[in-house]
Structures are given as C-alpha cells and as structure tokens.
Amino acid sequence: MRKPAKTDRVAVYARISRDDNRENFESIENQRDMLLAHAEANGLGTVTAVYMDDNVSGSAVHRPGLDRMKEDILKGMIDVVLVKDLSRLGRNNAATLQLIDFFEENGVRVVTADGRFDSLVDSDMLGIETWVNERYVRDISRKIRAALRFKIQKGEYLGKAPFGYRKSGAEKNRLVIDEQEAHVVRRIYSLYLSGMGYTAISKYLDEKGYASPGDRGWNRITVRRILSSRVYIGDTVQGVSEKVSFKSKKTRRLPESRWVITEGTHEALVPREIFEKVQALRMGRNGGSKVRGKMRHVLSGLIYCGDCGSAMYARRRRSGIAYVCGNYCRNGREACTSHFIYEREIVGHICNELLALFRREAASGKLEETLSWGEADERRSIHDDTKARLENLLRRQEMLYRDRLEGRISVQLFERMNLQLEKHIKALENELENLAKENGRRPDIGLLLKSVTERLEKGELTNEMASAAVGSVVVHDRTVTIDLKYKMA
C-alpha cells in the first residue's frame, strides 16, 4: 500500500440506518458534513466525491451509494475512502472483510473518522471489530423479533387488515368488521357450500362486480385464501413465516406447531360451524374429507350391508378405498360376509345418476328445486347471525343513551361513540337489505350447474355432496341399491 499524498482523491461515504441510531437519529447530511470537515482538518486530500445511503441497513450487501463508489474505484477515480466508523461500511462480518480486501486490491486507503482504523497501518483487530458490528445488528434483529412475537401473543393484528376487516380507530392493532366487504366474504362461503369451486366463485364475483381485495380482480387463489383463513371466525393466526436471517430478505414458512394462534381476538365474521363445514369440504382428497384429524370418506354414514344392516367400514387398499361390512370386521365370518366393494364403483354410479338427473331437470325447468344443497339454510344462518349482531348494537346504543342521560359519560364521548354505533348499525341494515334482495332473486343456476357438472364428470364427490344427494347405499352379495333423494320425473 502506498503512502498518503496531499493530492489524494478522497471519497466520503455516509450511511444511516434507523436501527443503527434508535437513540440519536443523526441525519445523513450531518454525517456527511462531519466527514468533509474531518478530511479537511486532517489533510487527507481533496474530496472529489460523496456517496450516501440513507436509511439503508448495514447488513445489506448491495447498496446504491456503495455500489456507485465501487464502480468509480474500478475506474481509478478514488485514492482514499473516508467513513465515520467501520460499521458504516457494513455489519455483515464476512462481507465487510471482503469489502476491505476489495479496497486494498485496488490500491485504495480506508480511514475511519473515529481514529480506530487506517488501512495503511496493519490492524490485527479488524476481524474482531467487524464481528462485533455483526453481533450488534444480530442482537437488534433478535430483540425486534421478540417484541413482535409478544404483540402477536397478546392478540394484536400486525400488518394490513384482511379483506372484510379494518383496523380499529380506538384500539391499536385490533380488527373490526368492515360491513361493506364482510357481505362479500359471507357470500363466498355460501357459494362454496352450494357446490361451486374456487374458479367458479371468482368468475361469479367478477361478473357481479363485487369489489376484490386487490386491483387485479378475483381469482381462485384469493377465494381459497378467504375460505381457509381462521381470521373470519375471530382468531388471529400470525408468525406463519420468518426471515431466514438478519442478513437475508428471504423468508421461510414455519411448521404449524410454531404458528402463534390466539382465539377470540376480534368479532367473528363467519359462524364457526359454517367455517368448519367449509374446511371439511375443502379438505376432501381422493374422495375423502378430513374432519378433526380423521378422514371422512365419501360414503361414510351412508353405506350399509344388505344382509345384516350393519354400517360398512372404509378400508384403504392398494387399488383404492373399499368398504367392508362392519359386523364382519368386528365378529368375523360367523356374523356376516365381507360384502367387499370399491368406493370408485359406487361413486361412478352416483355421479352418472346425478348427471342424468341434472340434464333432464335442466331441460324440464325443474332444476332450481333439485339444486337445494343447503344454500337456503346457509343464507338463513347468515341472515340470523347478521340480525343478531344488529340487535346487539341497538342494545348497546340504548345503554349508551342511558349513560348519557344519567351523566355517566360526557357529551363529547357520547357523540363519538354514538357516531361509531350509527355507522355500524347502518352497515348491518344494508347487509340485511342485500340479503333480502338475494333471497328474492333467482339463483344463477347456469353457473352453479356448470361448476357441479364439471366435478361430477370428473367423478369428484365429497361426503357433503353425497349426503345431500344420496339417502342410502345398500350392498348385497351381487347387487348394490343406491337410493337418491332426488328422483327423476
């Protein structure tokens, strides 16, 4: 390394990160001016360039100002780099040492204004100092994570409010229902329970002009996310992912055992029983539905032995799910025979029967009566839930009036609280009005029929669909009797 000269071209590099200065929010301009004064007072040379990275973390390897400075060094435009201290160059131990090597390889002297480092003097403490700088930012990162996790465990909702909710103006990080969006969420749950899939629902919402969570309209991923989120039953689920390390912006998904789940943190938008029914329907795989950790197969609770009348048990075989007489399973051949039959054979018959029924009823105009797979019940449930919440708000408003008349609260507090209640009451009244209009409106049979027909043509049938359409399946030695709830005319 050459000796310093008065004509050396000096580059000043300043970096500020809010995390680096939690107690003293030094400005980037103050740091720059201090370095300019230091260069002149100590005769380092002529300052020919100033590079700054404002509010950029020292753990980041690539920074706009630093990258420009490195490019100019490669062009031979810089002889000396002046920084406040080594932590300004970076808080990533390995990356900072590599940066010092880069300066040395290109004949550039590095000087810190705190007087602790000058690359013209061999510093045995360099590696230790850069390690200490890295430990600092690592500790800051750990403290921030701990603070965030504590907030999550208290039930605070961090980040943007999910569709259907908004952040409370009265309580920090608390969710309250946004009735304008809540109506759409409840509609999605109702449509899914009626037999429509993610894609069909997204198309329906777009066609009807419903507002979406994003600017790109509705899609199957957005619908699936809404149908699977526990936030809509009043639970907060956070801590699902975390940064790989303080050095990286990459995130990794955590196992469910590490999620932070806090129940009852805010008002539910969807009744829990409806949410569980949707999850049972969603989790159907290979003709089954997972309920409370157990697989609920397509014909569970519907299939019986034709000889002894016992319910048949589902058994997994190499060739697929099969059903066996329960009495035979418990007591052996002395009680009954196995009556073994594969599920796919029965499901195929049911799907074919329903397809024929749909096509015939559609042609005769009777399909609207046939497609009563619980939609009316779900609408009634949503209506009752909305009405109950409206009545609760009206009771709260009456109590508020009483408190004001009896002087328990001030006029200002009364007016503020009453204004909020009026806003919510109006939104719920609009919701009930919309539900009444939908109940009186003819359902979109074409869209629903297309969705259900596509699933039946693929041989897809869930336990919920089978329970709605099939009365019973009775397996005899050589024949199978399928009793459909809906008969063809």
Protein backbone atom coordinates (compact mmCIF):
# COMPACT_ATOMS: atom_id res chain seq x y z
CA MET A 1 0.00 0.00 0.00
CA ARG A 2 1.42 3.43 -1.00
CA LYS A 3 1.93 6.36 1.37
CA PRO A 4 -0.63 9.20 1.62
CA ALA A 5 -0.21 12.29 -0.58
CA LYS A 6 -1.73 15.74 -0.34
CA THR A 7 -3.21 15.31 -3.82
CA ASP A 8 -5.07 12.10 -2.96
CA ARG A 9 -8.62 12.00 -4.27
CA VAL A 10 -10.87 11.39 -1.28
CA ALA A 11 -14.33 9.79 -1.40
CA VAL A 12 -16.64 10.36 1.56
CA TYR A 13 -19.10 7.52 2.27
CA ALA A 14 -22.01 8.14 4.68
CA ARG A 15 -24.66 5.60 5.72
CA ILE A 16 -27.55 5.93 8.13
CA SER A 17 -29.97 3.24 9.31
CA ARG A 18 -32.79 3.96 11.74
CA ASP A 19 -31.98 0.68 13.51
CA ASP A 20 -28.38 1.84 13.99
CA ASN A 21 -29.47 5.06 15.70
CA ARG A 22 -32.50 4.32 17.84
CA GLU A 23 -31.50 6.87 20.50
CA ASN A 24 -29.82 9.53 18.32
CA PHE A 25 -31.45 9.96 14.93
CA GLU A 26 -28.42 11.57 13.26
CA SER A 27 -29.19 12.89 9.78
CA ILE A 28 -27.27 11.70 6.73
CA GLU A 29 -26.39 15.33 5.99
CA ASN A 30 -24.81 15.83 9.45
CA GLN A 31 -22.71 12.72 8.97
CA ARG A 32 -21.59 13.91 5.53
CA ASP A 33 -20.65 17.39 6.82
CA MET A 34 -18.71 15.89 9.72
CA LEU A 35 -16.69 13.72 7.30
CA LEU A 36 -15.99 16.65 4.97
CA ALA A 37 -14.68 18.69 7.91
CA HIS A 38 -12.58 15.73 9.10
CA ALA A 39 -10.99 15.27 5.66
CA GLU A 40 -10.00 18.95 5.53
CA ALA A 41 -8.79 19.18 9.13
CA ASN A 42 -6.57 16.09 8.79
CA GLY A 43 -5.22 16.85 5.32
CA LEU A 44 -6.37 13.58 3.77
CA GLY A 45 -6.54 15.11 0.29
CA THR A 46 -9.17 16.65 -1.99
CA VAL A 47 -12.73 15.39 -1.60
CA THR A 48 -13.84 14.57 -5.15
CA ALA A 49 -16.95 12.51 -4.47
CA VAL A 50 -19.62 11.94 -1.82
CA TYR A 51 -21.67 8.73 -1.67
CA MET A 52 -24.64 8.31 0.66
CA ASP A 53 -27.06 5.51 1.60
CA ASP A 54 -29.90 6.98 3.66
CA ASN A 55 -31.86 4.60 5.90
CA VAL A 56 -30.15 1.50 4.48
CA SER A 57 -29.25 -1.40 6.76
CA GLY A 58 -25.58 -2.25 7.24
CA SER A 59 -26.43 -5.93 6.83
CA ALA A 60 -27.36 -5.32 3.18
CA VAL A 61 -24.52 -6.27 0.83
CA HIS A 62 -25.78 -4.22 -2.14
CA ARG A 63 -26.49 -0.52 -1.53
CA PRO A 64 -26.91 2.18 -4.22
CA GLY A 65 -24.29 4.57 -2.85
CA LEU A 66 -21.76 1.86 -2.03
CA ASP A 67 -22.19 0.20 -5.42
CA ARG A 68 -21.55 3.51 -7.23
CA MET A 69 -18.42 4.08 -5.17
CA LYS A 70 -17.09 0.61 -6.04
CA GLU A 71 -17.69 1.29 -9.75
CA ASP A 72 -15.69 4.55 -9.52
CA ILE A 73 -12.88 2.75 -7.68
CA LEU A 74 -12.65 0.26 -10.54
CA LYS A 75 -12.34 3.23 -12.92
CA GLY A 76 -9.36 4.51 -10.91
CA MET A 77 -11.12 7.68 -9.72
CA ILE A 78 -10.58 7.27 -5.92
CA ASP A 79 -7.46 7.04 -3.71
CA VAL A 80 -8.93 7.29 -0.18
CA VAL A 81 -12.29 6.27 1.31
CA LEU A 82 -13.33 8.10 4.49
CA VAL A 83 -16.14 6.71 6.70
CA LYS A 84 -17.36 7.59 10.20
CA ASP A 85 -16.52 4.10 11.53
CA LEU A 86 -16.23 0.56 10.19
CA SER A 87 -19.89 -0.19 10.93
CA ARG A 88 -20.78 2.36 8.20
CA LEU A 89 -19.19 0.02 5.66
CA GLY A 90 -21.32 -2.83 6.95
CA ARG A 91 -22.49 -5.00 9.82
CA ASN A 92 -22.05 -8.28 7.98
CA ASN A 93 -18.69 -9.61 9.18
CA ALA A 94 -17.70 -11.64 6.10
CA ALA A 95 -19.00 -9.05 3.61
CA THR A 96 -17.18 -6.18 5.36
CA LEU A 97 -13.87 -8.05 5.34
CA GLN A 98 -14.36 -8.79 1.62
CA LEU A 99 -15.03 -5.08 1.04
CA ILE A 100 -11.80 -4.11 2.84
CA ASP A 101 -9.95 -6.65 0.64
CA PHE A 102 -11.57 -5.06 -2.44
CA PHE A 103 -10.26 -1.61 -1.42
CA GLU A 104 -6.77 -3.00 -0.77
CA GLU A 105 -6.63 -4.87 -4.08
CA ASN A 106 -7.45 -1.61 -5.91
CA GLY A 107 -4.89 0.46 -4.01
CA VAL A 108 -7.45 2.44 -2.01
CA ARG A 109 -6.74 3.55 1.55
CA VAL A 110 -9.61 3.26 4.07
CA VAL A 111 -9.75 5.67 7.01
CA THR A 112 -12.35 5.95 9.78
CA ALA A 113 -13.10 9.34 11.37
CA ASP A 114 -13.22 7.76 14.85
CA GLY A 115 -9.50 7.07 14.56
CA ARG A 116 -9.83 3.33 15.14
CA PHE A 117 -8.84 2.13 11.67
CA ASP A 118 -6.44 3.14 8.90
CA SER A 119 -5.62 0.55 6.29
CA LEU A 120 -2.08 1.98 5.96
CA VAL A 121 -1.50 0.56 9.43
CA ASP A 122 -1.86 -3.22 9.77
CA SER A 123 -4.79 -3.75 12.20
CA ASP A 124 -4.85 -7.13 13.93
CA MET A 125 -8.19 -6.12 15.48
CA LEU A 126 -10.01 -5.66 12.15
CA GLY A 127 -11.68 -9.09 12.14
CA ILE A 128 -12.76 -8.74 15.78
CA GLU A 129 -14.24 -5.26 15.21
CA THR A 130 -16.27 -6.32 12.17
CA TRP A 131 -17.50 -9.36 14.14
CA VAL A 132 -18.65 -7.05 16.97
CA ASN A 133 -20.52 -4.91 14.43
CA GLU A 134 -22.31 -8.00 13.11
CA ARG A 135 -23.23 -9.13 16.62
CA TYR A 136 -24.84 -5.71 17.22
CA VAL A 137 -27.24 -5.98 14.29
CA ARG A 138 -27.90 -9.65 15.14
CA ASP A 139 -28.93 -8.64 18.68
CA ILE A 140 -31.15 -5.82 17.34
CA SER A 141 -32.83 -8.31 15.00
CA ARG A 142 -33.44 -10.77 17.86
CA LYS A 143 -34.94 -8.06 20.09
CA ILE A 144 -37.28 -6.87 17.33
CA ARG A 145 -38.47 -10.45 16.71
CA ALA A 146 -39.12 -10.98 20.42
CA ALA A 147 -41.12 -7.74 20.64
CA LEU A 148 -43.22 -8.64 17.59
CA ARG A 149 -43.94 -12.13 18.92
CA PHE A 150 -45.07 -10.66 22.25
CA LYS A 151 -47.51 -8.35 20.41
CA ILE A 152 -48.82 -11.31 18.39
CA GLN A 153 -49.36 -13.42 21.51
CA LYS A 154 -51.40 -10.58 23.04
CA GLY A 155 -53.72 -10.87 20.03
CA GLU A 156 -52.63 -7.73 18.22
CA TYR A 157 -53.01 -7.98 14.45
CA LEU A 158 -49.82 -6.72 12.82
CA GLY A 159 -49.81 -5.66 9.20
CA LYS A 160 -52.64 -4.80 6.83
CA ALA A 161 -56.17 -5.76 7.87
CA PRO A 162 -57.53 -8.75 5.90
CA PHE A 163 -60.40 -8.34 3.44
CA GLY A 164 -63.65 -8.00 5.41
CA TYR A 165 -61.99 -6.18 8.32
CA ARG A 166 -60.34 -2.84 9.06
CA LYS A 167 -58.09 -1.61 11.86
CA SER A 168 -59.91 -0.11 14.85
CA GLY A 169 -59.52 3.61 15.33
CA ALA A 170 -59.97 3.26 19.09
CA GLU A 171 -57.73 0.28 19.89
CA LYS A 172 -54.29 -0.19 18.36
CA ASN A 173 -53.86 -3.26 16.11
CA ARG A 174 -57.41 -4.52 16.75
CA LEU A 175 -59.63 -5.72 13.92
CA VAL A 176 -63.24 -4.61 13.48
CA ILE A 177 -65.66 -5.79 10.79
CA ASP A 178 -65.94 -3.74 7.61
CA GLU A 179 -69.54 -4.46 6.67
CA GLN A 180 -69.07 -3.34 3.06
CA GLU A 181 -66.53 -6.13 2.49
CA ALA A 182 -67.96 -8.60 5.02
CA HIS A 183 -71.01 -9.12 2.82
CA VAL A 184 -68.74 -10.41 0.02
CA VAL A 185 -66.88 -12.79 2.35
CA ARG A 186 -70.12 -14.33 3.61
CA ARG A 187 -71.30 -14.68 0.01
CA ILE A 188 -68.12 -16.60 -0.86
CA TYR A 189 -68.74 -19.09 1.97
CA SER A 190 -72.36 -19.53 0.90
CA LEU A 191 -71.41 -20.14 -2.75
CA TYR A 192 -68.75 -22.68 -1.81
CA LEU A 193 -71.17 -24.66 0.35
CA SER A 194 -73.66 -24.65 -2.52
CA GLY A 195 -71.18 -26.68 -4.59
CA MET A 196 -69.20 -24.05 -6.51
CA GLY A 197 -65.40 -24.27 -6.69
CA TYR A 198 -62.71 -21.59 -6.34
CA THR A 199 -62.59 -20.68 -10.04
CA ALA A 200 -66.37 -20.65 -10.48
CA ILE A 201 -66.77 -18.39 -7.44
CA SER A 202 -64.10 -15.97 -8.68
CA LYS A 203 -65.82 -15.73 -12.08
CA TYR A 204 -69.20 -15.20 -10.40
CA LEU A 205 -67.85 -12.38 -8.20
CA ASP A 206 -66.23 -10.67 -11.19
CA GLU A 207 -69.41 -10.94 -13.24
CA LYS A 208 -71.47 -9.46 -10.40
CA GLY A 209 -68.97 -6.62 -9.93
CA TYR A 210 -68.07 -7.37 -6.29
CA ALA A 211 -65.07 -5.38 -5.00
CA SER A 212 -61.92 -7.55 -4.61
CA PRO A 213 -59.02 -7.37 -2.12
CA GLY A 214 -56.59 -6.34 -4.88
CA ASP A 215 -56.57 -4.38 -8.11
CA ARG A 216 -56.46 -7.45 -10.36
CA GLY A 217 -59.96 -8.67 -9.61
CA TRP A 218 -60.95 -12.06 -8.25
CA ASN A 219 -59.02 -15.30 -8.79
CA ARG A 220 -59.06 -18.81 -7.35
CA ILE A 221 -56.08 -18.13 -5.04
CA THR A 222 -57.82 -15.17 -3.40
CA VAL A 223 -61.03 -17.16 -2.93
CA ARG A 224 -59.13 -20.12 -1.47
CA ARG A 225 -57.27 -17.84 0.95
CA ILE A 226 -60.54 -16.34 2.23
CA LEU A 227 -62.15 -19.77 2.64
CA SER A 228 -59.19 -21.13 4.62
CA SER A 229 -58.42 -18.20 6.92
CA ARG A 230 -59.28 -18.53 10.61
CA VAL A 231 -59.35 -14.74 10.90
CA TYR A 232 -63.01 -14.90 9.82
CA ILE A 233 -64.03 -16.85 12.95
CA GLY A 234 -62.35 -14.33 15.25
CA ASP A 235 -58.93 -15.98 15.62
CA THR A 236 -55.57 -14.37 14.91
CA VAL A 237 -53.00 -16.61 13.21
CA GLN A 238 -49.60 -15.00 12.82
CA GLY A 239 -45.95 -15.99 12.87
CA VAL A 240 -46.58 -18.24 9.85
CA SER A 241 -43.23 -17.27 8.29
CA GLU A 242 -39.99 -15.59 9.31
CA LYS A 243 -36.83 -14.19 7.74
CA VAL A 244 -34.12 -16.79 7.14
CA SER A 245 -31.65 -14.49 8.97
CA PHE A 246 -30.96 -10.81 9.63
CA LYS A 247 -28.58 -10.90 6.64
CA SER A 248 -31.22 -12.01 4.16
CA LYS A 249 -34.58 -10.73 2.91
CA LYS A 250 -35.70 -14.28 2.11
CA THR A 251 -38.46 -15.77 4.24
CA ARG A 252 -39.33 -19.35 5.12
CA ARG A 253 -42.68 -20.85 6.10
CA LEU A 254 -42.72 -22.18 9.64
CA PRO A 255 -44.29 -25.51 10.66
CA GLU A 256 -47.82 -25.19 12.03
CA SER A 257 -46.56 -26.11 15.52
CA ARG A 258 -44.70 -22.77 15.65
CA TRP A 259 -47.60 -20.59 14.50
CA VAL A 260 -48.96 -18.14 17.05
CA ILE A 261 -52.73 -18.74 17.24
CA THR A 262 -54.79 -16.56 19.55
CA GLU A 263 -58.51 -17.34 19.68
CA GLY A 264 -61.29 -14.81 20.11
CA THR A 265 -59.22 -11.69 19.42
CA HIS A 266 -61.95 -9.95 17.41
CA GLU A 267 -65.56 -10.32 16.28
CA ALA A 268 -66.20 -13.33 14.02
CA LEU A 269 -67.42 -12.59 10.52
CA VAL A 270 -68.49 -16.17 9.75
CA PRO A 271 -70.14 -18.55 12.26
CA ARG A 272 -67.69 -21.24 13.40
CA GLU A 273 -69.97 -24.11 12.37
CA ILE A 274 -70.12 -22.79 8.79
CA PHE A 275 -66.33 -22.35 8.72
CA GLU A 276 -65.84 -25.96 9.88
CA LYS A 277 -68.26 -27.24 7.23
CA VAL A 278 -66.28 -25.39 4.58
CA GLN A 279 -62.98 -26.82 5.86
CA ALA A 280 -64.45 -30.33 5.80
CA LEU A 281 -65.46 -29.78 2.19
CA ARG A 282 -62.12 -28.18 1.25
CA MET A 283 -60.00 -30.91 2.75
CA GLY A 284 -61.61 -33.59 0.61
CA ARG A 285 -58.82 -35.51 -1.11
CA ASN A 286 -59.24 -38.68 -3.17
CA GLY A 287 -62.93 -38.66 -2.36
CA GLY A 288 -62.47 -38.00 1.35
CA SER A 289 -62.80 -35.10 3.77
CA LYS A 290 -60.63 -34.57 6.81
CA VAL A 291 -62.67 -33.69 9.89
CA ARG A 292 -60.97 -33.09 13.25
CA GLY A 293 -57.88 -35.05 12.13
CA LYS A 294 -59.83 -38.10 10.86
CA MET A 295 -60.56 -38.96 7.24
CA ARG A 296 -64.24 -38.80 6.41
CA HIS A 297 -64.79 -40.84 3.27
CA VAL A 298 -67.36 -40.16 0.57
CA LEU A 299 -69.88 -42.79 1.72
CA SER A 300 -69.29 -42.59 5.48
CA GLY A 301 -72.66 -42.78 7.26
CA LEU A 302 -74.47 -43.68 4.03
CA ILE A 303 -73.42 -47.24 3.12
CA TYR A 304 -74.87 -50.39 4.76
CA CYS A 305 -74.64 -54.15 4.47
CA GLY A 306 -77.65 -55.61 2.62
CA ASP A 307 -77.71 -58.79 4.75
CA CYS A 308 -77.22 -57.74 8.39
CA GLY A 309 -77.90 -53.99 8.07
CA SER A 310 -74.60 -53.03 9.72
CA ALA A 311 -72.80 -49.83 8.67
CA MET A 312 -69.86 -50.60 6.38
CA TYR A 313 -66.31 -49.56 7.24
CA ALA A 314 -63.92 -47.82 4.84
CA ARG A 315 -60.58 -49.58 4.32
CA ARG A 316 -57.57 -48.33 2.33
CA ARG A 317 -56.31 -50.86 -0.22
CA ARG A 318 -53.61 -50.64 -2.89
CA SER A 319 -56.25 -50.20 -5.56
CA GLY A 320 -58.13 -47.50 -3.62
CA ILE A 321 -60.71 -47.08 -0.85
CA ALA A 322 -63.01 -50.07 -0.27
CA TYR A 323 -65.93 -50.76 2.09
CA VAL A 324 -66.41 -53.86 4.25
CA CYS A 325 -69.34 -54.96 6.44
CA GLY A 326 -68.81 -53.61 9.97
CA ASN A 327 -70.36 -56.68 11.58
CA TYR A 328 -67.94 -58.91 9.64
CA CYS A 329 -64.98 -56.74 10.73
CA ARG A 330 -65.95 -56.99 14.40
CA ASN A 331 -67.16 -60.59 14.67
CA GLY A 332 -65.81 -62.50 11.68
CA ARG A 333 -67.49 -64.90 9.22
CA GLU A 334 -69.86 -66.30 11.83
CA ALA A 335 -71.66 -62.93 11.91
CA CYS A 336 -71.69 -62.00 8.19
CA THR A 337 -69.65 -61.98 4.96
CA SER A 338 -67.37 -59.09 3.96
CA HIS A 339 -69.54 -57.65 1.15
CA PHE A 340 -66.29 -56.07 -0.13
CA ILE A 341 -66.75 -53.31 -2.74
CA TYR A 342 -64.55 -50.48 -4.05
CA GLU A 343 -65.69 -46.92 -3.46
CA ARG A 344 -64.93 -45.80 -7.04
CA GLU A 345 -67.53 -48.23 -8.42
CA ILE A 346 -70.34 -46.75 -6.31
CA VAL A 347 -69.17 -43.14 -6.76
CA GLY A 348 -69.12 -43.64 -10.52
CA HIS A 349 -72.77 -44.82 -10.47
CA ILE A 350 -73.83 -41.89 -8.26
CA CYS A 351 -72.09 -39.31 -10.47
CA ASN A 352 -73.69 -40.79 -13.61
CA GLU A 353 -77.15 -40.80 -11.98
CA LEU A 354 -76.79 -37.19 -10.85
CA LEU A 355 -75.52 -36.05 -14.24
CA ALA A 356 -78.53 -37.66 -15.92
CA LEU A 357 -80.81 -36.07 -13.34
CA PHE A 358 -79.32 -32.60 -13.83
CA ARG A 359 -79.56 -32.74 -17.60
CA ARG A 360 -83.15 -33.97 -17.55
CA GLU A 361 -84.29 -31.49 -14.90
CA ALA A 362 -82.49 -28.60 -16.64
CA ALA A 363 -84.35 -29.40 -19.83
CA SER A 364 -87.68 -29.52 -17.98
CA GLY A 365 -87.03 -26.32 -15.98
CA LYS A 366 -87.19 -28.11 -12.61
CA LEU A 367 -83.50 -27.77 -11.76
CA GLU A 368 -83.99 -24.92 -9.31
CA GLU A 369 -85.82 -27.26 -6.91
CA THR A 370 -83.24 -30.02 -7.41
CA LEU A 371 -80.25 -27.81 -6.54
CA SER A 372 -81.23 -27.19 -2.93
CA TRP A 373 -77.91 -28.36 -1.49
CA GLY A 374 -78.08 -26.31 1.63
CA GLU A 375 -77.84 -22.81 0.11
CA ALA A 376 -81.15 -21.72 1.63
CA ASP A 377 -80.04 -22.95 5.07
CA GLU A 378 -76.72 -21.14 4.78
CA ARG A 379 -78.40 -17.90 3.74
CA ARG A 380 -80.81 -18.22 6.65
CA SER A 381 -77.89 -18.79 9.03
CA ILE A 382 -76.05 -15.70 7.73
CA HIS A 383 -79.25 -13.66 7.94
CA ASP A 384 -79.89 -14.74 11.55
CA ASP A 385 -76.28 -14.01 12.51
CA THR A 386 -76.42 -10.53 10.95
CA LYS A 387 -79.77 -9.79 12.60
CA ALA A 388 -78.43 -10.88 16.00
CA ARG A 389 -75.43 -8.56 15.65
CA LEU A 390 -77.72 -5.69 14.67
CA GLU A 391 -79.90 -6.26 17.73
CA ASN A 392 -76.79 -6.33 19.92
CA LEU A 393 -75.66 -2.96 18.55
CA LEU A 394 -79.11 -1.47 19.11
CA ARG A 395 -78.99 -2.65 22.75
CA ARG A 396 -75.54 -1.07 23.16
CA GLN A 397 -76.85 2.18 21.69
CA GLU A 398 -79.77 2.17 24.16
CA MET A 399 -77.35 1.65 27.07
CA LEU A 400 -75.21 4.50 25.76
CA TYR A 401 -78.23 6.83 25.74
CA ARG A 402 -78.98 5.83 29.33
CA ASP A 403 -75.41 6.51 30.42
CA ARG A 404 -75.57 9.97 28.87
CA LEU A 405 -78.96 10.83 30.45
CA GLU A 406 -77.69 9.73 33.86
CA GLY A 407 -74.46 11.72 33.46
CA ARG A 408 -72.08 8.75 33.49
CA ILE A 409 -70.31 9.92 30.31
CA SER A 410 -69.55 13.32 28.76
CA VAL A 411 -71.35 14.78 25.75
CA GLN A 412 -68.16 14.52 23.65
CA LEU A 413 -67.66 10.82 24.46
CA PHE A 414 -71.34 10.07 23.84
CA GLU A 415 -71.29 11.75 20.42
CA ARG A 416 -68.10 9.97 19.36
CA MET A 417 -69.30 6.52 20.46
CA ASN A 418 -72.80 7.04 19.08
CA LEU A 419 -71.40 8.08 15.71
CA GLN A 420 -69.46 4.80 15.50
CA LEU A 421 -72.50 2.78 16.53
CA GLU A 422 -74.70 4.54 13.95
CA LYS A 423 -72.16 3.74 11.25
CA HIS A 424 -72.11 0.02 12.16
CA ILE A 425 -75.91 -0.14 12.53
CA LYS A 426 -76.38 1.40 9.09
CA ALA A 427 -73.95 -1.08 7.55
CA LEU A 428 -75.76 -4.07 9.12
CA GLU A 429 -79.15 -2.74 8.00
CA ASN A 430 -77.76 -2.50 4.45
CA GLU A 431 -76.46 -6.05 4.80
CA LEU A 432 -79.89 -7.35 5.79
CA GLU A 433 -81.46 -5.45 2.91
CA ASN A 434 -78.97 -7.02 0.47
CA LEU A 435 -79.64 -10.49 1.87
CA ALA A 436 -83.39 -9.96 1.46
CA LYS A 437 -82.86 -8.96 -2.17
CA GLU A 438 -80.69 -12.02 -2.83
CA ASN A 439 -83.25 -14.34 -1.23
CA GLY A 440 -85.88 -12.97 -3.59
CA ARG A 441 -83.60 -13.21 -6.59
CA ARG A 442 -83.49 -16.28 -8.84
CA PRO A 443 -80.15 -18.06 -8.22
CA ASP A 444 -77.58 -18.21 -11.03
CA ILE A 445 -78.45 -21.80 -11.95
CA GLY A 446 -76.34 -21.84 -15.13
CA LEU A 447 -73.13 -21.01 -13.32
CA LEU A 448 -73.86 -23.38 -10.45
CA LEU A 449 -74.86 -26.21 -12.77
CA LYS A 450 -71.67 -25.81 -14.82
CA SER A 451 -69.49 -25.98 -11.70
CA VAL A 452 -71.23 -29.05 -10.22
CA THR A 453 -71.44 -30.80 -13.59
CA GLU A 454 -67.70 -30.41 -14.19
CA ARG A 455 -66.96 -32.05 -10.83
CA LEU A 456 -69.37 -34.90 -11.43
CA GLU A 457 -67.93 -35.56 -14.89
CA LYS A 458 -64.51 -35.96 -13.26
CA GLY A 459 -66.00 -38.37 -10.72
CA GLU A 460 -65.39 -35.91 -7.88
CA LEU A 461 -67.77 -36.38 -4.97
CA THR A 462 -67.35 -35.35 -1.33
CA ASN A 463 -69.17 -36.67 1.71
CA GLU A 464 -71.16 -33.41 1.94
CA MET A 465 -72.30 -33.68 -1.68
CA ALA A 466 -73.12 -37.38 -1.27
CA SER A 467 -75.05 -36.74 1.97
CA ALA A 468 -77.12 -34.06 0.23
CA ALA A 469 -77.95 -36.22 -2.80
CA VAL A 470 -78.00 -39.81 -1.52
CA GLY A 471 -80.39 -41.33 1.01
CA SER A 472 -78.53 -44.64 1.40
CA VAL A 473 -76.34 -47.20 -0.37
CA VAL A 474 -77.14 -50.85 0.39
CA VAL A 475 -74.61 -53.50 -0.67
CA HIS A 476 -75.89 -57.06 -1.27
CA ASP A 477 -73.81 -60.03 -2.35
CA ARG A 478 -74.24 -59.38 -6.07
CA THR A 479 -76.11 -56.07 -6.31
CA VAL A 480 -75.96 -52.53 -4.95
CA THR A 481 -79.01 -50.36 -4.30
CA ILE A 482 -78.48 -46.59 -4.43
CA ASP A 483 -81.36 -44.51 -3.07
CA LEU A 484 -81.17 -40.95 -4.41
CA LYS A 485 -83.03 -38.23 -2.53
CA TYR A 486 -83.95 -36.61 -5.86
CA LYS A 487 -85.97 -38.77 -8.23
CA MET A 488 -86.08 -38.32 -12.00
CA ALA A 489 -89.50 -37.44 -13.34
